[in-house]
Every structure is written in C-alpha cells, then in structure tokens.
Amino acid sequence: MALRRDAQRNRERILSAAHEVFAARGFAATLDDVAHHAGVGVGTVYRRFPTKEELIEAVFTDRLEDLVTLAEEALAAPSAWEGLTGFLRTSARWHAADRGLRDAALSMDEQHFTTASEQIVPLLEQIMERAHAEGTLRADAGFHDFPIIMAMVTELAQHSADCRPGLYERYLELVIDGLRARPDNGSLGHAPTDTDIRAVMRQCVPPLRPSRT
C-alpha cells in the first residue's frame, strides 16, 4: 500500500512538473527536463510515461476539453461575432500563458488529441457560418485562417512576454478589426488549404517523437 501511495505521489509530482515545464517551453521540452523539474530520477518518469507523447496526452487532454467548452459557449453567444471574437480573445490569452497548450491546440490534427479536434472543428465552423450569415465576418475569411492567426499572435506573446507582457493583445485586436465585414473590404485571395495548414503547423510546433530527446 505504501509503495502504491509513493507511486501515486510520484505520478502527481511528474504531472505537476510537466504542466510547468511544457507551459514554459512547449513541446520542445524533454522528459529529462520534466524529471529534473520534478526532482525525480529520469527512470521514474520513463516508467510511468515511456514516451513524451503519453505524458503530453496526460497533461493536455483536459486542457483541450476546456477549449471545446469555450467553443460551445461561443456558439451559444447572442451573436456569432461576439462568440467568435470572444473565443479568439480567450483562447489567445490561454495560449499566451501556456506554450504547451498552444502547441497542443495547433497540432490537434497532426499528432494527437483527435477527439478534441473532432469536437472543436465543427463548433468553430458553425460559429463562422453564423457570422457570415449575419454579415459580421468578412466573406473571404475561412476556417483555415484561424490556426494561422493563433500561431502568429501567440508566437508574438511568447517572444514579448519578458519585455512587454500583453503586447500580443494589440495585434490580436488589429486582426479582429480586419476580420469584420465592411463594404470596402479588399480581396484577400484564396484562404489556406488543409494541406497548407498542416505544413505550416509542422514548422510552428516541435514534433513529438517516441525517444529520449
């Protein structure tokens, strides 16, 4: 019984450390980094989480469910524009504070978290359809624009956090203003395709590898 309690305490310590390490460094962090931060031997981490994928899934599955809930609340908002912009602002704030969550959200389709992806994508598509129908979202803004927007804004948030916290909010508001439908909206050309998005996200998010690196 004591051994099981010790094992459970170690697991909780590892998960707590992983939250902090991935929040600061994103998916670039290693299991060795987590072990050091947790104050346990690296073998202890590998016994409980043989790969980085398994640890990341344990850490971020619930956090991505929070994004699904946020999207559900956005869909229920009185206006689609209010729901869409509220989702963008809140998710950007979460991602800015947690680089690991940002990496998880941007790689849902590419690596893991397919359940969250299958839930959140239809919700966001419905919000955009409503916003187009009510005439608040510019007609040439497509679903695949949003991962790019989030990648740009949250990358700025990471690089400006030490010198100017919150600077990303200025540029998010500029983007949101540009998304609003107006009679004089110029053409943006074709929105990125699914292939484009996958290629870009592979450059933005460190890959998960089942190795001790």
Protein backbone atom coordinates (compact mmCIF):
# COMPACT_ATOMS: atom_id res chain seq x y z
CA MET A 1 0.00 0.00 0.00
CA ALA A 2 2.80 2.41 0.91
CA LEU A 3 4.51 1.64 -2.39
CA ARG A 4 1.32 2.44 -4.30
CA ARG A 5 0.96 5.72 -2.42
CA ASP A 6 4.57 6.59 -3.24
CA ALA A 7 3.97 5.73 -6.90
CA GLN A 8 0.86 7.92 -6.97
CA ARG A 9 2.71 10.82 -5.35
CA ASN A 10 5.49 10.48 -7.91
CA ARG A 11 2.97 10.48 -10.74
CA GLU A 12 1.29 13.61 -9.40
CA ARG A 13 4.67 15.29 -8.96
CA ILE A 14 5.63 14.42 -12.53
CA LEU A 15 2.36 15.74 -13.95
CA SER A 16 2.62 18.96 -11.95
CA ALA A 17 6.19 19.48 -13.12
CA ALA A 18 5.22 18.67 -16.70
CA HIS A 19 2.49 21.33 -16.62
CA GLU A 20 5.06 23.92 -15.60
CA VAL A 21 7.82 22.79 -17.95
CA PHE A 22 5.60 22.49 -21.04
CA ALA A 23 3.90 25.79 -20.21
CA ALA A 24 7.29 27.50 -20.32
CA ARG A 25 8.95 25.61 -23.18
CA GLY A 26 6.17 23.93 -25.14
CA PHE A 27 6.72 20.63 -26.87
CA ALA A 28 10.44 21.37 -27.19
CA ALA A 29 10.84 20.33 -23.55
CA THR A 30 12.09 16.79 -22.92
CA LEU A 31 11.29 14.11 -20.38
CA ASP A 32 14.70 14.76 -18.87
CA ASP A 33 13.64 18.41 -18.32
CA VAL A 34 10.48 17.23 -16.60
CA ALA A 35 12.37 14.79 -14.36
CA HIS A 36 14.81 17.50 -13.31
CA HIS A 37 11.99 19.93 -12.52
CA ALA A 38 10.06 17.27 -10.61
CA GLY A 39 13.11 16.30 -8.55
CA VAL A 40 12.86 12.64 -9.51
CA GLY A 41 15.11 10.34 -11.46
CA VAL A 42 14.58 10.24 -15.19
CA GLY A 43 13.94 6.50 -14.91
CA THR A 44 10.96 7.26 -12.68
CA VAL A 45 9.45 9.41 -15.40
CA TYR A 46 10.05 6.81 -18.11
CA ARG A 47 8.48 4.04 -16.03
CA ARG A 48 5.24 5.98 -15.80
CA PHE A 49 5.35 7.71 -19.20
CA PRO A 50 7.53 5.71 -21.63
CA THR A 51 7.20 8.39 -24.34
CA LYS A 52 6.78 12.14 -24.41
CA GLU A 53 3.52 11.64 -26.33
CA GLU A 54 1.99 9.75 -23.41
CA LEU A 55 2.99 12.43 -20.91
CA ILE A 56 1.72 15.25 -23.12
CA GLU A 57 -1.60 13.48 -23.62
CA ALA A 58 -1.95 13.06 -19.86
CA VAL A 59 -1.17 16.73 -19.28
CA PHE A 60 -3.19 18.39 -22.04
CA THR A 61 -6.26 16.28 -22.78
CA ASP A 62 -8.27 18.04 -20.07
CA ARG A 63 -6.99 21.46 -21.12
CA LEU A 64 -8.12 20.88 -24.67
CA GLU A 65 -11.53 19.90 -23.33
CA ASP A 66 -11.62 23.39 -21.83
CA LEU A 67 -11.18 24.77 -25.37
CA VAL A 68 -14.08 22.61 -26.56
CA THR A 69 -16.24 24.04 -23.77
CA LEU A 70 -15.15 27.55 -24.73
CA ALA A 71 -16.21 26.88 -28.34
CA GLU A 72 -19.59 25.56 -27.16
CA GLU A 73 -20.11 28.74 -25.15
CA ALA A 74 -19.10 30.83 -28.17
CA LEU A 75 -21.65 29.06 -30.34
CA ALA A 76 -24.35 29.84 -27.76
CA ALA A 77 -23.49 33.57 -27.66
CA PRO A 78 -26.26 36.03 -28.67
CA SER A 79 -24.35 36.97 -31.83
CA ALA A 80 -21.87 34.93 -33.82
CA TRP A 81 -19.44 37.88 -33.92
CA GLU A 82 -19.50 38.13 -30.13
CA GLY A 83 -18.95 34.39 -29.83
CA LEU A 84 -16.17 34.27 -32.42
CA THR A 85 -14.19 37.21 -31.09
CA GLY A 86 -14.69 36.07 -27.50
CA PHE A 87 -13.30 32.67 -28.42
CA LEU A 88 -10.29 34.25 -30.12
CA ARG A 89 -9.50 36.54 -27.20
CA THR A 90 -9.85 33.90 -24.50
CA SER A 91 -8.02 31.14 -26.33
CA ALA A 92 -5.21 33.56 -27.23
CA ARG A 93 -4.89 34.50 -23.57
CA TRP A 94 -4.72 30.84 -22.55
CA HIS A 95 -2.18 30.04 -25.23
CA ALA A 96 -0.05 33.05 -24.36
CA ALA A 97 0.16 31.85 -20.76
CA ASP A 98 0.85 28.21 -21.65
CA ARG A 99 3.09 27.40 -24.60
CA GLY A 100 2.36 23.71 -24.21
CA LEU A 101 -1.38 24.27 -24.57
CA ARG A 102 -0.65 26.40 -27.60
CA ASP A 103 1.41 23.61 -29.16
CA ALA A 104 -1.26 21.04 -28.31
CA ALA A 105 -4.05 23.15 -29.83
CA LEU A 106 -2.11 23.88 -33.02
CA SER A 107 -1.20 20.22 -33.53
CA MET A 108 -4.53 18.55 -32.76
CA ASP A 109 -4.98 17.11 -36.24
CA GLU A 110 -1.34 16.45 -36.92
CA GLN A 111 -0.23 14.48 -33.89
CA HIS A 112 -2.67 13.62 -31.13
CA PHE A 113 -5.85 14.83 -29.43
CA THR A 114 -8.07 13.74 -32.32
CA THR A 115 -11.13 13.55 -30.05
CA ALA A 116 -10.80 17.21 -29.12
CA SER A 117 -10.21 18.11 -32.77
CA GLU A 118 -13.32 16.23 -33.89
CA GLN A 119 -15.34 18.16 -31.32
CA ILE A 120 -13.97 21.65 -31.73
CA VAL A 121 -13.71 21.93 -35.52
CA PRO A 122 -17.47 21.56 -36.23
CA LEU A 123 -18.25 24.06 -33.47
CA LEU A 124 -15.93 26.70 -34.93
CA GLU A 125 -17.23 26.05 -38.44
CA GLN A 126 -20.79 26.62 -37.20
CA ILE A 127 -19.78 29.87 -35.50
CA MET A 128 -18.17 31.10 -38.72
CA GLU A 129 -21.20 30.11 -40.79
CA ARG A 130 -23.43 32.11 -38.43
CA ALA A 131 -21.07 35.10 -38.55
CA HIS A 132 -21.08 35.04 -42.35
CA ALA A 133 -24.87 34.74 -42.37
CA GLU A 134 -25.33 37.71 -40.02
CA GLY A 135 -22.92 39.76 -42.13
CA THR A 136 -20.37 40.45 -39.41
CA LEU A 137 -17.45 38.30 -40.62
CA ARG A 138 -15.86 39.23 -43.92
CA ALA A 139 -16.89 36.84 -46.65
CA ASP A 140 -13.38 35.73 -47.61
CA ALA A 141 -12.31 34.73 -44.08
CA GLY A 142 -12.18 30.94 -43.90
CA PHE A 143 -11.86 28.39 -41.14
CA HIS A 144 -8.24 27.69 -42.01
CA ASP A 145 -7.30 31.31 -41.41
CA PHE A 146 -7.74 30.85 -37.68
CA PRO A 147 -4.90 28.45 -36.86
CA ILE A 148 -2.56 30.85 -38.68
CA ILE A 149 -3.91 33.81 -36.72
CA MET A 150 -3.47 31.96 -33.43
CA ALA A 151 0.05 30.86 -34.37
CA MET A 152 1.08 34.43 -35.24
CA VAL A 153 -0.43 36.08 -32.19
CA THR A 154 0.75 33.51 -29.64
CA GLU A 155 4.25 33.41 -31.10
CA LEU A 156 4.44 37.16 -30.51
CA ALA A 157 3.12 36.59 -26.98
CA GLN A 158 5.96 34.18 -26.23
CA HIS A 159 8.70 36.44 -27.59
CA SER A 160 7.42 39.64 -25.97
CA ALA A 161 6.47 38.22 -22.57
CA ASP A 162 9.64 39.41 -20.82
CA CYS A 163 9.94 42.85 -22.40
CA ARG A 164 6.28 43.80 -22.98
CA PRO A 165 3.68 41.41 -21.49
CA GLY A 166 0.32 41.71 -23.18
CA LEU A 167 1.70 43.26 -26.35
CA TYR A 168 0.10 40.47 -28.38
CA GLU A 169 -3.35 41.81 -27.42
CA ARG A 170 -2.76 44.93 -29.52
CA TYR A 171 -2.12 42.85 -32.63
CA LEU A 172 -4.94 40.45 -31.91
CA GLU A 173 -7.32 43.43 -31.86
CA LEU A 174 -5.87 44.63 -35.17
CA VAL A 175 -6.54 41.18 -36.64
CA ILE A 176 -10.07 41.07 -35.22
CA ASP A 177 -10.77 44.51 -36.68
CA GLY A 178 -9.57 43.22 -40.05
CA LEU A 179 -11.94 40.25 -39.83
CA ARG A 180 -15.02 42.45 -39.55
CA ALA A 181 -17.15 42.68 -42.70
CA ARG A 182 -17.17 46.15 -44.28
CA PRO A 183 -18.33 47.43 -47.66
CA ASP A 184 -14.76 48.39 -48.56
CA ASN A 185 -13.09 45.06 -47.63
CA GLY A 186 -10.43 44.32 -50.23
CA SER A 187 -9.86 40.82 -51.53
CA LEU A 188 -7.57 38.56 -49.53
CA GLY A 189 -7.24 35.98 -52.26
CA HIS A 190 -7.66 32.29 -51.54
CA ALA A 191 -7.71 31.09 -47.95
CA PRO A 192 -5.09 28.48 -46.98
CA THR A 193 -5.98 24.87 -47.59
CA ASP A 194 -5.82 21.99 -45.14
CA THR A 195 -2.51 20.97 -46.73
CA ASP A 196 -1.15 24.48 -46.23
CA ILE A 197 -2.17 24.49 -42.57
CA ARG A 198 -0.57 21.12 -41.85
CA ALA A 199 2.67 22.23 -43.48
CA VAL A 200 2.77 25.48 -41.51
CA MET A 201 1.90 23.85 -38.18
CA ARG A 202 4.69 21.32 -38.64
CA GLN A 203 7.06 24.29 -38.71
CA CYS A 204 5.42 26.04 -35.74
CA VAL A 205 5.16 23.10 -33.33
CA PRO A 206 8.05 20.84 -32.32
CA PRO A 207 7.25 17.25 -33.34
CA LEU A 208 6.56 14.58 -30.77
CA ARG A 209 8.98 11.69 -31.02
CA PRO A 210 8.95 8.45 -29.06
CA SER A 211 12.54 8.95 -27.99
CA ARG A 212 14.60 10.18 -25.08
CA THR A 213 15.46 13.51 -26.66
